[in-house]
Amino acid sequence: MAEDAPSVGAEGSRPVASEGAAAAAPPDPAAKGAESLLPSLSIWPPSQRTRDAVVRRLVQTLAAPSVLSQRYGAVPEAEAERAAAAVEAEAYSAVSESAAGAAPASVEDGIEVLQAYSREVSRRFLELAKSRAASAPAATPAEGGPSESEASSAAAPPPAEE
């Protein structure tokens, strides 16, 4: 059984050192080489794949049943795709211009720019939904508006109280 356990002093392993010894020890060249092989983390700008995912989510929110589509009305999918792509592109452009087009100096700066992008997408998306609802003609029963009986009861004056 003891033979099956891994060897504590296995070749290539480093002994555990105290904190003071670790701080005084020179950096391991193998670790430095491994760090250079790791991909760098870039928050901003988002990849095209991420931007496409944002557009797909906006289309889904506009065209499929959602809180937004229930409140402001669903949008046909073709129209939703065009509108969502425009909203995302405008938001990306606006935030890119305000970020001076250069890559953020740190991950924290990238996160701030990404949050600004998210807020801009949300703001423009809500404006789109509201403006579309305001300019849309009255819903017909086939489009999910009130049925004739609901419309007539809503238009009829309340019964007089005696």
N, C-alpha and C. Protein backbone atom coordinates (compact mmCIF):
# COMPACT_ATOMS: atom_id res chain seq x y z
N MET A 1 0.82 -1.18 0.00
CA MET A 1 0.00 0.00 0.00
C MET A 1 0.86 1.25 0.00
N ALA A 2 1.87 1.29 0.85
CA ALA A 2 2.74 2.45 0.92
C ALA A 2 3.50 2.62 -0.38
N GLU A 3 3.69 1.50 -1.11
CA GLU A 3 4.41 1.58 -2.37
C GLU A 3 3.59 2.32 -3.43
N ASP A 4 2.24 2.31 -3.30
CA ASP A 4 1.37 2.95 -4.27
C ASP A 4 1.30 4.47 -4.09
N ALA A 5 1.64 4.97 -2.91
CA ALA A 5 1.56 6.40 -2.65
C ALA A 5 2.66 7.12 -3.41
N PRO A 6 2.41 8.32 -3.91
CA PRO A 6 3.43 9.06 -4.64
C PRO A 6 4.59 9.41 -3.72
N SER A 7 5.74 9.43 -4.27
CA SER A 7 6.95 9.74 -3.52
C SER A 7 6.97 11.21 -3.16
N VAL A 8 7.26 11.52 -1.90
CA VAL A 8 7.29 12.90 -1.43
C VAL A 8 8.45 13.64 -2.08
N GLY A 9 9.54 12.98 -2.26
CA GLY A 9 10.72 13.63 -2.84
C GLY A 9 10.84 13.30 -4.31
N ALA A 10 9.74 13.34 -5.04
CA ALA A 10 9.75 12.99 -6.46
C ALA A 10 10.64 13.94 -7.24
N GLU A 11 11.24 13.40 -8.28
CA GLU A 11 12.13 14.19 -9.11
C GLU A 11 11.35 15.32 -9.77
N GLY A 12 11.90 16.51 -9.79
CA GLY A 12 11.27 17.66 -10.41
C GLY A 12 10.37 18.45 -9.47
N SER A 13 10.12 17.94 -8.27
CA SER A 13 9.29 18.70 -7.35
C SER A 13 10.17 19.65 -6.56
N ARG A 14 9.58 20.72 -6.11
CA ARG A 14 10.32 21.72 -5.34
C ARG A 14 9.93 21.60 -3.89
N PRO A 15 10.89 21.69 -3.00
CA PRO A 15 10.54 21.63 -1.58
C PRO A 15 9.77 22.88 -1.17
N VAL A 16 8.89 22.74 -0.20
CA VAL A 16 8.11 23.86 0.31
C VAL A 16 9.03 24.70 1.17
N ALA A 17 9.08 26.00 0.89
CA ALA A 17 9.94 26.91 1.64
C ALA A 17 9.08 27.85 2.46
N SER A 18 9.66 28.41 3.47
CA SER A 18 8.94 29.38 4.28
C SER A 18 8.75 30.66 3.48
N GLU A 19 7.84 31.54 3.94
CA GLU A 19 7.55 32.76 3.20
C GLU A 19 8.77 33.63 3.03
N GLY A 20 9.57 33.77 4.07
CA GLY A 20 10.76 34.62 3.99
C GLY A 20 11.75 34.09 2.98
N ALA A 21 11.90 32.79 2.90
CA ALA A 21 12.83 32.19 1.95
C ALA A 21 12.31 32.35 0.53
N ALA A 22 11.01 32.28 0.34
CA ALA A 22 10.44 32.41 -1.00
C ALA A 22 10.62 33.82 -1.52
N ALA A 23 10.51 34.81 -0.66
CA ALA A 23 10.65 36.18 -1.09
C ALA A 23 12.10 36.48 -1.45
N ALA A 24 13.06 35.85 -0.77
CA ALA A 24 14.47 36.11 -1.02
C ALA A 24 14.98 35.31 -2.19
N ALA A 25 14.31 34.23 -2.57
CA ALA A 25 14.78 33.37 -3.65
C ALA A 25 14.57 34.06 -4.99
N PRO A 26 15.52 33.87 -5.91
CA PRO A 26 15.35 34.46 -7.24
C PRO A 26 14.21 33.76 -7.97
N PRO A 27 13.54 34.47 -8.91
CA PRO A 27 12.42 33.86 -9.64
C PRO A 27 12.90 32.66 -10.44
N ASP A 28 12.06 31.66 -10.52
CA ASP A 28 12.36 30.44 -11.25
C ASP A 28 12.27 30.73 -12.74
N PRO A 29 13.34 30.48 -13.50
CA PRO A 29 13.30 30.77 -14.94
C PRO A 29 12.25 29.93 -15.67
N ALA A 30 11.97 28.72 -15.18
CA ALA A 30 10.94 27.89 -15.82
C ALA A 30 9.57 28.51 -15.65
N ALA A 31 9.30 29.09 -14.47
CA ALA A 31 8.01 29.74 -14.23
C ALA A 31 7.88 30.97 -15.11
N LYS A 32 8.96 31.71 -15.29
CA LYS A 32 8.93 32.91 -16.13
C LYS A 32 8.63 32.52 -17.58
N GLY A 33 9.23 31.43 -18.04
CA GLY A 33 8.97 30.95 -19.40
C GLY A 33 7.54 30.49 -19.56
N ALA A 34 6.98 29.86 -18.53
CA ALA A 34 5.59 29.41 -18.59
C ALA A 34 4.64 30.59 -18.65
N GLU A 35 4.96 31.66 -17.92
CA GLU A 35 4.10 32.85 -17.95
C GLU A 35 4.04 33.46 -19.34
N SER A 36 5.17 33.44 -20.05
CA SER A 36 5.17 34.02 -21.39
C SER A 36 4.37 33.17 -22.37
N LEU A 37 4.15 31.88 -22.07
CA LEU A 37 3.36 31.02 -22.93
C LEU A 37 1.86 31.18 -22.70
N LEU A 38 1.47 31.70 -21.54
CA LEU A 38 0.06 31.87 -21.23
C LEU A 38 -0.51 33.02 -22.06
N PRO A 39 -1.74 32.88 -22.52
CA PRO A 39 -2.33 34.00 -23.27
C PRO A 39 -2.59 35.18 -22.33
N SER A 40 -2.45 36.36 -22.87
CA SER A 40 -2.73 37.53 -22.05
C SER A 40 -4.24 37.72 -21.96
N LEU A 41 -4.68 38.25 -20.85
CA LEU A 41 -6.09 38.48 -20.62
C LEU A 41 -6.44 39.87 -21.13
N SER A 42 -7.32 39.93 -22.10
CA SER A 42 -7.74 41.20 -22.66
C SER A 42 -9.25 41.31 -22.51
N ILE A 43 -9.68 42.26 -21.73
CA ILE A 43 -11.11 42.46 -21.49
C ILE A 43 -11.73 43.29 -22.61
N TRP A 44 -11.03 44.32 -23.02
CA TRP A 44 -11.52 45.21 -24.07
C TRP A 44 -10.50 45.29 -25.16
N PRO A 45 -10.84 45.25 -26.38
CA PRO A 45 -12.17 45.11 -26.94
C PRO A 45 -12.65 43.67 -26.89
N PRO A 46 -13.97 43.48 -26.86
CA PRO A 46 -14.49 42.12 -26.85
C PRO A 46 -14.24 41.45 -28.20
N SER A 47 -14.14 40.14 -28.19
CA SER A 47 -13.94 39.41 -29.44
C SER A 47 -15.21 39.49 -30.29
N GLN A 48 -15.05 39.18 -31.57
CA GLN A 48 -16.22 39.19 -32.46
C GLN A 48 -17.23 38.15 -32.00
N ARG A 49 -16.74 37.05 -31.45
CA ARG A 49 -17.63 36.01 -30.93
C ARG A 49 -18.49 36.55 -29.78
N THR A 50 -17.89 37.34 -28.91
CA THR A 50 -18.64 37.94 -27.80
C THR A 50 -19.66 38.94 -28.32
N ARG A 51 -19.25 39.75 -29.28
CA ARG A 51 -20.18 40.74 -29.85
C ARG A 51 -21.35 40.05 -30.53
N ASP A 52 -21.08 38.94 -31.23
CA ASP A 52 -22.16 38.18 -31.88
C ASP A 52 -23.10 37.59 -30.84
N ALA A 53 -22.56 37.16 -29.71
CA ALA A 53 -23.40 36.62 -28.64
C ALA A 53 -24.31 37.71 -28.07
N VAL A 54 -23.80 38.92 -27.96
CA VAL A 54 -24.62 40.05 -27.48
C VAL A 54 -25.77 40.27 -28.46
N VAL A 55 -25.48 40.28 -29.75
CA VAL A 55 -26.53 40.50 -30.76
C VAL A 55 -27.57 39.38 -30.69
N ARG A 56 -27.12 38.12 -30.57
CA ARG A 56 -28.07 37.01 -30.49
C ARG A 56 -28.99 37.16 -29.27
N ARG A 57 -28.43 37.59 -28.15
CA ARG A 57 -29.24 37.76 -26.93
C ARG A 57 -30.25 38.91 -27.11
N LEU A 58 -29.83 39.98 -27.76
CA LEU A 58 -30.75 41.09 -28.01
C LEU A 58 -31.89 40.64 -28.92
N VAL A 59 -31.57 39.87 -29.96
CA VAL A 59 -32.61 39.37 -30.87
C VAL A 59 -33.58 38.49 -30.11
N GLN A 60 -33.05 37.63 -29.28
CA GLN A 60 -33.90 36.73 -28.49
C GLN A 60 -34.84 37.54 -27.59
N THR A 61 -34.32 38.59 -26.97
CA THR A 61 -35.13 39.41 -26.07
C THR A 61 -36.22 40.16 -26.84
N LEU A 62 -35.90 40.61 -28.04
CA LEU A 62 -36.89 41.34 -28.84
C LEU A 62 -37.94 40.44 -29.47
N ALA A 63 -37.52 39.29 -30.00
CA ALA A 63 -38.42 38.46 -30.79
C ALA A 63 -39.15 37.40 -29.99
N ALA A 64 -38.52 36.86 -28.97
CA ALA A 64 -39.13 35.79 -28.18
C ALA A 64 -39.88 36.39 -26.99
N PRO A 65 -40.77 35.63 -26.39
CA PRO A 65 -41.45 36.14 -25.20
C PRO A 65 -40.45 36.49 -24.09
N SER A 66 -40.50 37.73 -23.65
CA SER A 66 -39.64 38.22 -22.58
C SER A 66 -40.37 39.36 -21.88
N VAL A 67 -39.84 39.80 -20.79
CA VAL A 67 -40.45 40.92 -20.08
C VAL A 67 -40.51 42.14 -21.00
N LEU A 68 -39.43 42.38 -21.73
CA LEU A 68 -39.38 43.54 -22.62
C LEU A 68 -40.38 43.40 -23.77
N SER A 69 -40.44 42.22 -24.39
CA SER A 69 -41.38 42.06 -25.51
C SER A 69 -42.82 42.07 -25.04
N GLN A 70 -43.07 41.63 -23.81
CA GLN A 70 -44.43 41.69 -23.29
C GLN A 70 -44.85 43.13 -23.03
N ARG A 71 -43.90 43.92 -22.57
CA ARG A 71 -44.24 45.31 -22.24
C ARG A 71 -44.32 46.20 -23.47
N TYR A 72 -43.36 46.03 -24.40
CA TYR A 72 -43.28 46.93 -25.55
C TYR A 72 -43.69 46.28 -26.87
N GLY A 73 -43.96 44.99 -26.85
CA GLY A 73 -44.36 44.29 -28.05
C GLY A 73 -43.21 43.52 -28.67
N ALA A 74 -43.51 42.35 -29.18
CA ALA A 74 -42.52 41.51 -29.84
C ALA A 74 -42.20 42.09 -31.21
N VAL A 75 -41.01 41.81 -31.68
CA VAL A 75 -40.54 42.30 -32.97
C VAL A 75 -40.31 41.08 -33.86
N PRO A 76 -40.70 41.16 -35.13
CA PRO A 76 -40.40 40.04 -36.03
C PRO A 76 -38.89 39.78 -36.05
N GLU A 77 -38.52 38.52 -36.17
CA GLU A 77 -37.11 38.14 -36.02
C GLU A 77 -36.18 38.86 -37.00
N ALA A 78 -36.58 39.00 -38.25
CA ALA A 78 -35.72 39.67 -39.24
C ALA A 78 -35.46 41.12 -38.83
N GLU A 79 -36.52 41.79 -38.40
CA GLU A 79 -36.38 43.17 -37.94
C GLU A 79 -35.56 43.24 -36.65
N ALA A 80 -35.78 42.27 -35.78
CA ALA A 80 -35.03 42.23 -34.52
C ALA A 80 -33.54 42.05 -34.77
N GLU A 81 -33.18 41.21 -35.76
CA GLU A 81 -31.77 41.00 -36.09
C GLU A 81 -31.12 42.29 -36.57
N ARG A 82 -31.80 42.99 -37.46
CA ARG A 82 -31.25 44.26 -37.96
C ARG A 82 -31.11 45.28 -36.84
N ALA A 83 -32.15 45.41 -36.04
CA ALA A 83 -32.14 46.39 -34.95
C ALA A 83 -31.08 46.05 -33.90
N ALA A 84 -30.97 44.79 -33.54
CA ALA A 84 -29.99 44.38 -32.53
C ALA A 84 -28.57 44.60 -33.02
N ALA A 85 -28.30 44.28 -34.28
CA ALA A 85 -26.97 44.50 -34.84
C ALA A 85 -26.64 46.00 -34.84
N ALA A 86 -27.61 46.82 -35.17
CA ALA A 86 -27.38 48.27 -35.18
C ALA A 86 -27.14 48.80 -33.77
N VAL A 87 -27.92 48.35 -32.80
CA VAL A 87 -27.76 48.78 -31.41
C VAL A 87 -26.37 48.41 -30.91
N GLU A 88 -25.95 47.16 -31.15
CA GLU A 88 -24.64 46.71 -30.68
C GLU A 88 -23.52 47.49 -31.36
N ALA A 89 -23.61 47.68 -32.68
CA ALA A 89 -22.56 48.39 -33.41
C ALA A 89 -22.45 49.85 -32.95
N GLU A 90 -23.59 50.50 -32.75
CA GLU A 90 -23.57 51.89 -32.28
C GLU A 90 -22.98 51.99 -30.88
N ALA A 91 -23.35 51.08 -30.00
CA ALA A 91 -22.82 51.09 -28.64
C ALA A 91 -21.32 50.83 -28.64
N TYR A 92 -20.89 49.86 -29.44
CA TYR A 92 -19.46 49.54 -29.52
C TYR A 92 -18.68 50.73 -30.04
N SER A 93 -19.20 51.36 -31.08
CA SER A 93 -18.53 52.52 -31.68
C SER A 93 -18.43 53.67 -30.68
N ALA A 94 -19.52 53.94 -29.99
CA ALA A 94 -19.54 55.05 -29.03
C ALA A 94 -18.55 54.82 -27.90
N VAL A 95 -18.51 53.61 -27.37
CA VAL A 95 -17.61 53.32 -26.26
C VAL A 95 -16.17 53.28 -26.74
N SER A 96 -15.94 52.75 -27.95
CA SER A 96 -14.58 52.72 -28.49
C SER A 96 -14.03 54.12 -28.67
N GLU A 97 -14.87 55.02 -29.15
CA GLU A 97 -14.44 56.42 -29.33
C GLU A 97 -14.13 57.07 -27.99
N SER A 98 -14.96 56.82 -26.99
CA SER A 98 -14.74 57.43 -25.69
C SER A 98 -13.53 56.83 -24.99
N ALA A 99 -13.16 55.59 -25.35
CA ALA A 99 -11.98 54.94 -24.77
C ALA A 99 -10.73 55.33 -25.55
N ALA A 100 -10.84 56.24 -26.47
CA ALA A 100 -9.74 56.77 -27.28
C ALA A 100 -9.15 55.72 -28.21
N GLY A 101 -9.89 54.64 -28.48
CA GLY A 101 -9.46 53.65 -29.43
C GLY A 101 -8.25 52.82 -29.01
N ALA A 102 -7.61 53.16 -27.91
CA ALA A 102 -6.44 52.40 -27.46
C ALA A 102 -6.88 51.33 -26.48
N ALA A 103 -6.07 50.29 -26.41
CA ALA A 103 -6.36 49.22 -25.45
C ALA A 103 -6.16 49.75 -24.04
N PRO A 104 -7.02 49.38 -23.10
CA PRO A 104 -6.88 49.84 -21.72
C PRO A 104 -5.53 49.39 -21.15
N ALA A 105 -4.99 50.22 -20.25
CA ALA A 105 -3.68 49.96 -19.66
C ALA A 105 -3.69 48.78 -18.70
N SER A 106 -4.81 48.51 -18.07
CA SER A 106 -4.88 47.42 -17.10
C SER A 106 -6.19 46.67 -17.26
N VAL A 107 -6.27 45.52 -16.61
CA VAL A 107 -7.50 44.73 -16.64
C VAL A 107 -8.64 45.54 -16.02
N GLU A 108 -8.34 46.27 -14.94
CA GLU A 108 -9.38 47.08 -14.29
C GLU A 108 -9.92 48.14 -15.23
N ASP A 109 -9.04 48.77 -16.01
CA ASP A 109 -9.51 49.75 -17.00
C ASP A 109 -10.37 49.08 -18.06
N GLY A 110 -9.97 47.88 -18.48
CA GLY A 110 -10.75 47.13 -19.45
C GLY A 110 -12.13 46.79 -18.93
N ILE A 111 -12.20 46.44 -17.65
CA ILE A 111 -13.49 46.12 -17.04
C ILE A 111 -14.38 47.36 -17.03
N GLU A 112 -13.81 48.51 -16.72
CA GLU A 112 -14.60 49.75 -16.73
C GLU A 112 -15.15 50.05 -18.12
N VAL A 113 -14.32 49.86 -19.15
CA VAL A 113 -14.78 50.11 -20.51
C VAL A 113 -15.86 49.09 -20.89
N LEU A 114 -15.68 47.84 -20.50
CA LEU A 114 -16.67 46.81 -20.79
C LEU A 114 -18.00 47.11 -20.09
N GLN A 115 -17.94 47.63 -18.87
CA GLN A 115 -19.17 48.02 -18.17
C GLN A 115 -19.85 49.18 -18.87
N ALA A 116 -19.07 50.12 -19.37
CA ALA A 116 -19.64 51.24 -20.12
C ALA A 116 -20.32 50.73 -21.40
N TYR A 117 -19.70 49.76 -22.05
CA TYR A 117 -20.28 49.14 -23.25
C TYR A 117 -21.61 48.47 -22.91
N SER A 118 -21.63 47.73 -21.82
CA SER A 118 -22.85 47.05 -21.39
C SER A 118 -23.97 48.05 -21.11
N ARG A 119 -23.63 49.13 -20.40
CA ARG A 119 -24.64 50.16 -20.11
C ARG A 119 -25.14 50.81 -21.39
N GLU A 120 -24.24 51.06 -22.33
CA GLU A 120 -24.61 51.71 -23.58
C GLU A 120 -25.52 50.80 -24.41
N VAL A 121 -25.21 49.51 -24.47
CA VAL A 121 -26.07 48.56 -25.18
C VAL A 121 -27.45 48.55 -24.54
N SER A 122 -27.50 48.47 -23.22
CA SER A 122 -28.78 48.42 -22.51
C SER A 122 -29.60 49.69 -22.74
N ARG A 123 -28.94 50.84 -22.65
CA ARG A 123 -29.63 52.12 -22.83
C ARG A 123 -30.21 52.22 -24.25
N ARG A 124 -29.40 51.92 -25.25
CA ARG A 124 -29.85 52.02 -26.63
C ARG A 124 -30.94 50.98 -26.94
N PHE A 125 -30.82 49.81 -26.34
CA PHE A 125 -31.80 48.74 -26.56
C PHE A 125 -33.16 49.15 -25.99
N LEU A 126 -33.16 49.71 -24.80
CA LEU A 126 -34.41 50.15 -24.19
C LEU A 126 -35.02 51.31 -24.98
N GLU A 127 -34.19 52.24 -25.44
CA GLU A 127 -34.69 53.34 -26.28
C GLU A 127 -35.35 52.79 -27.54
N LEU A 128 -34.73 51.78 -28.16
CA LEU A 128 -35.28 51.16 -29.35
C LEU A 128 -36.65 50.57 -29.06
N ALA A 129 -36.75 49.80 -27.98
CA ALA A 129 -38.02 49.16 -27.64
C ALA A 129 -39.10 50.20 -27.37
N LYS A 130 -38.74 51.25 -26.62
CA LYS A 130 -39.73 52.29 -26.31
C LYS A 130 -40.16 53.04 -27.56
N SER A 131 -39.21 53.42 -28.42
CA SER A 131 -39.56 54.19 -29.62
C SER A 131 -40.38 53.35 -30.58
N ARG A 132 -40.07 52.06 -30.67
CA ARG A 132 -40.84 51.18 -31.53
C ARG A 132 -42.26 51.03 -31.01
N ALA A 133 -42.43 50.91 -29.70
CA ALA A 133 -43.76 50.79 -29.11
C ALA A 133 -44.56 52.07 -29.31
N ALA A 134 -43.89 53.21 -29.21
CA ALA A 134 -44.58 54.49 -29.36
C ALA A 134 -45.02 54.73 -30.81
N SER A 135 -44.23 54.25 -31.76
CA SER A 135 -44.56 54.48 -33.16
C SER A 135 -45.41 53.39 -33.77
N ALA A 136 -45.59 52.27 -33.06
CA ALA A 136 -46.39 51.16 -33.58
C ALA A 136 -47.87 51.52 -33.57
N PRO A 137 -48.61 51.12 -34.60
CA PRO A 137 -50.06 51.35 -34.61
C PRO A 137 -50.71 50.49 -33.54
N ALA A 138 -51.95 50.79 -33.23
CA ALA A 138 -52.67 50.01 -32.22
C ALA A 138 -52.70 48.55 -32.62
N ALA A 139 -52.49 47.69 -31.65
CA ALA A 139 -52.44 46.26 -31.92
C ALA A 139 -53.81 45.74 -32.31
N THR A 140 -53.81 44.84 -33.26
CA THR A 140 -55.06 44.20 -33.65
C THR A 140 -55.17 42.89 -32.88
N PRO A 141 -56.36 42.31 -32.78
CA PRO A 141 -56.50 41.06 -32.04
C PRO A 141 -55.57 39.96 -32.55
N ALA A 142 -55.32 39.92 -33.85
CA ALA A 142 -54.44 38.89 -34.41
C ALA A 142 -53.00 39.09 -33.93
N GLU A 143 -52.62 40.32 -33.59
CA GLU A 143 -51.27 40.61 -33.14
C GLU A 143 -51.13 40.51 -31.63
N GLY A 144 -52.14 40.04 -30.97
CA GLY A 144 -52.03 39.88 -29.53
C GLY A 144 -52.64 41.02 -28.75
N GLY A 145 -53.39 41.88 -29.43
CA GLY A 145 -54.05 42.97 -28.74
C GLY A 145 -55.29 42.45 -28.04
N PRO A 146 -56.06 43.31 -27.42
CA PRO A 146 -57.27 42.85 -26.73
C PRO A 146 -58.27 42.29 -27.72
N SER A 147 -59.03 41.30 -27.28
CA SER A 147 -60.06 40.72 -28.15
C SER A 147 -61.20 41.72 -28.27
N GLU A 148 -62.15 41.42 -29.19
CA GLU A 148 -63.26 42.36 -29.40
C GLU A 148 -64.07 42.54 -28.13
N SER A 149 -64.32 41.48 -27.41
CA SER A 149 -65.13 41.60 -26.20
C SER A 149 -64.39 42.42 -25.14
N GLU A 150 -63.06 42.23 -25.05
CA GLU A 150 -62.29 43.03 -24.09
C GLU A 150 -62.26 44.49 -24.52
N ALA A 151 -62.16 44.72 -25.84
CA ALA A 151 -62.09 46.09 -26.33
C ALA A 151 -63.43 46.80 -26.13
N SER A 152 -64.52 46.09 -26.37
CA SER A 152 -65.82 46.73 -26.21
C SER A 152 -66.13 46.99 -24.74
N SER A 153 -65.72 46.07 -23.87
CA SER A 153 -65.97 46.30 -22.45
C SER A 153 -65.08 47.40 -21.90
N ALA A 154 -63.91 47.55 -22.49
CA ALA A 154 -63.01 48.61 -22.04
C ALA A 154 -63.52 49.97 -22.52
N ALA A 155 -64.18 49.98 -23.71
CA ALA A 155 -64.65 51.24 -24.25
C ALA A 155 -66.01 51.63 -23.68
N ALA A 156 -66.76 50.69 -23.18
CA ALA A 156 -68.10 50.98 -22.66
C ALA A 156 -67.98 51.73 -21.34
N PRO A 157 -68.86 52.68 -21.13
CA PRO A 157 -68.81 53.44 -19.87
C PRO A 157 -69.20 52.53 -18.70
N PRO A 158 -68.72 52.81 -17.53
CA PRO A 158 -69.07 51.99 -16.38
C PRO A 158 -70.57 52.16 -16.06
N PRO A 159 -71.17 51.14 -15.50
CA PRO A 159 -72.61 51.25 -15.17
C PRO A 159 -72.82 52.35 -14.13
N ALA A 160 -73.95 53.01 -14.27
CA ALA A 160 -74.26 54.11 -13.35
C ALA A 160 -74.61 53.52 -11.98
N GLU A 161 -74.13 54.18 -10.96
CA GLU A 161 -74.44 53.73 -9.60
C GLU A 161 -75.79 54.29 -9.17
N GLU A 162 -76.54 53.48 -8.44
CA GLU A 162 -77.86 53.94 -8.01
C GLU A 162 -77.84 54.39 -6.60
